[in-house]
Every structure is written in C-alpha cells, then in structure tokens.
Amino acid sequence: MYDFCVLPFVMPIPTHFAFKNHLIDPSNRLSSWVEGGDCCEWIGVVCHNSTGPVHQLNLAPTLSEPDEFAPYFELEAYERSKLGGKINPSLLELKHLAGFPAGIPHNLGNLSKLHYLDLGGNYLKPKSLQWVSGLSSLQYLDLSGANLSKANDWLQVTFKHPSLLELLLSNCGLEDDPSPISVNSTKSLVILDLFGNAFSSVPKSIFSLHGLMSFYLNENSLEGPIPDYFGNISFLEVLDLTLNHLNSSIPNSLYSLNRLQFLGLSENQLQGTISSSIGNLSSITHLDLSSNFMLEGRLPTSLEYLCKLKEMDLSYNKIEDGISEILQRSLFESVCNSPSWEGMEVLYIDKNLISGEIPDCWNHLQNLGLLNLESNNLTGKIPPSLGHINVSMLNLRNNSMFGALPSTLQNSSLIMLDFSENHFNGITGEIPKEIGSLIELRSLNLSGNLQAGNIPNKIGNMELMESLDLSMNRLNGEIPPSISNLNFLNHFNVS
C-alpha cells in the first residue's frame, strides 16, 4: 500500500499515484511527486529537520487570492492553482503530521496530534464540524471560504475545544442561530475571525471568551447599538466592526479596553459626539471612525492622552469647530506643546466641517507620512512647519486656502500633492517655477485654482511624475518641451 522515499530515516507515505488519482490538479503542481525520489523535495511536502518524517503537507492554493479588480488572467491563474477532488484516506497514516492544508477526508478527526489545520479557500461544504472535536491537540483552524450554513454545531464545537487558540471562519455563510444555545467556553480562543458573514447581532457566547485578544466581525450585517458586553473582554487588542449597520453612539464600555491597539468602527451609522473617555484607550495605535457621517461636534481634549497613536481616520463625518482649536487645544495639543504625538504616521480628517486656518505647529511630527484635510472649510496659507516634516502625501483639496507654496515644502520628499479646488495662485498668479524642485512627486493636482500664465519649464524636472492635473485654471502659452522628460506620465490634463 505504501511507497518509501529516500530519507535519512525511511518512512512510509501514501502511494503517490493513489493520492494524485483522487485529486484534480489543473496546474500540474504535483508533477514532482514521482517514485524513487526524495519526498522531502516534493512540492507541498515539509519534513522535520532532524528526524525526517513528513511534518506538514501544504496543499493550499499557491497563489494569493486576487482582488475584485484584478485582470482576468490573474483570476484564472488563481483558480488553476487550487486542488480539487478527494483526499485518499491513507493520508491519515502520517502519524507525525503537524499541518494539513487541504480538503476534509472522511475520518480527519482521527488526527489527535494535529496542531495546525488550514482548509481555507477550498469551498468545502461540511454539514457538521463534530470531527473537529477529535482533533484534541488542535491550536489553529482555518475554514475560511467554506460553506458552513448547514453546520449548526460550529459554535458549540469550536468554542468548547480545549486547545484551540486561533479560529478563522471568514466568508463561511454563518448567520444568527434562531435558537441560540449558551456555550460554556473553554476560554482558550485568542483570535477569532468571523469577517464577511451574515450576523445581524454579535453571538452572545463570544462575550464568554474572556481571553480573546483579536476579534474580527467586519463586513457582516450587525444592526442596532454596539453591545456593552465588549467591555468584559478586557484582553482585547484588536476589535474590527467595520462595514456593518451599527447605529448607536460609541459606548463608554469600549473606551475601558485599555489594551486595545486597533479599533475599527468605520462605515457604520454611528452618531453623537466622541466621548472624553476615549482618552482611556492608552494602548491604541490605529483608530478608524471614518464614514459614519453622523459623528459630530468637537473632538475631546483627552485625545492628547493617546500617546501611542500612529494612524487615525476621522474622515466622512460631521466633526466641526475651528481647526486651530482642534489642533491646538485637543487633537494636536500634545504636538504643539509636548512630544506625546511624535509617533503619528497617518492622519485623515477629510470631508468634515472643520473651519479656520491650519496652525503652524507641525514640527514634532517627524513620522507623519500621510495627511489628508480634504473637503473642509479651511482658509489661510499653508503653514511653513508642514515643510519641516517627512510627509509624503499632502491633500488639501476642496478648501478655501490661498497663497504661495511655502519655501519649506520646495525641498520636501512629497510623493503626492493635491491642492486642487482652492485659491492657490502664488505671488504672481502663476504656477511657481520652484514646483520643479519636488523631484520625488508622482502625482500633482493643482486643478481648479486661480493659476495663470505659462506652465514653467522646470516642471520637466519631476521625472517620476505619473499624474499631472493643471485643468480648470487660467493657463496660456505652449506646453513646455521639458514635459517630454516625464517618461512615467500616464495622466496629463490641462483642459
């Protein structure tokens, strides 16, 4: 029944042709599985470094899943990289197997020493997960993409598992249980991923997972308020509820999670003001409250206590009051007066109701790479201190700002610059020739301003430029011949 491959320690493996005959292999990636060779050289086979026995079989797709905008040939290649068919039961003779990323054989539950099981992306349709109970040593289980709509025991089996640490069930067709059963969890789960399912409410049994550190319930159909019970999961470091239909204010119970590092609440219907209790999130590094459209009012001064914050996105809301007050009295009070916010890397406050001038207090933000203040009611000139930091993307689009490009920006390492739909017209009303000093720029948008005169010849110095939009201005004259230096240019608009 078995072949023997050449190994420092000879061991049996399932007959290669019996195994292959049960599989559909469109890309022929099992062609290396031939008699007489070293099976540790076979694609997908991993042997133990010292003892020799097969330690892991990796039969998952060899290519990463393309996004929805990928060209057809990438999608086709991904589909061809998948294995289909059935798994020969003789595979269970591999007693030392510690990882088995493939399909579900009939009696997989007999692998009591299995620690790692990755069946993600294989479109499985199990009617029950009872077989998981037999995998008593299992610590990692990935069934992402499997159709578990008929597996009504998924929660009871996985939450009661004595050793399971990571459970990935994204895009599994899971939905609310019409007759929910309370489950006494073993509290072993540390990471739980339920992304892309159809839950309209958070399963209550999750709140008994007091050791949970990462919880993903993004892109579901959650409705109503955010449950207060989240405050009981005190070890949470990642909570992602992005892209649901939650429509309450943000409960103070969330702000009690002082270990939380990532909080994603974007693309919901949250409303009200941001409580001063947000200052209790002392470990937060990534905060995303964007695209709720109904969060409003003044930002609390307690934001200054978020000393570890690296990325904050508040775009597409109704945050208002003058930016000088926000930046100097709350959001950037610690920047203007102390080094508390030196770690900030990404700041998006675009598409809100912020008004007034941008204060000149950015010198300490040396790590800030992306700054987006688009579509507010900002006025005044660009503060010179913005040129003293290493910002690579600066977006001030659709405001009412004016004046010339500060000399401090002329030697910056900007990659993307968008000043469109403002009143920037320089000192003379022309595009300043100093713009050519921004040699790292890939994208420049000065459309919809009051620029007049000629396009400066030095614009040809920006040889890495890919997109250049100078439309809806008052430009005249000829396009300078130096534009031919822009070999990477694929978008040019001077209409």
Foldseek 3Di string as FASTA:
>chain_A
DFAWEDWPDIDTAHDPCVQVVQKDQLPCQQVVPDPHHHCCPTPQWHADPPPGATAEGGQAQPDDQDDPPDDPVVNVNRVNSHMDGAGDVRRVVSLNYAEYADDDHPQPLCNCQHAYYHPAPHQAEDLAPQSVLSNLNYAYYAHENYAHCNHPCVCQRVQARQHHAEYHHENHQDEDDPDDDAHQGNLRYAYYAHHHYAYQDDRPNVLNNLNHAEYHHDNYAHEEADDLSVLSNQNYAYDAHHAYAYAEAHDLSVLQNLNHAYYHDANYQHAEEDDLSVLSVQNYAEEEHEHNAHHEEEHDQSLLSNLNHAEYAHYNYAYEDEVCCRCCRHNPVCQQPHLSNLNHAYYHHAHYAYEEEHDQRRQSNQNHAYYAHYDYAYEEEDHLSVLNHQHQYDHHHQYAYEEEDDPSVLQHQHAEYAPAQYAYQYPVRANDLSVLSNQNYQYYAHAHYAHEEEDHLSVLSNQNHAEYHHDHYHYDDDHHPSVVSNPNHDYYYHD
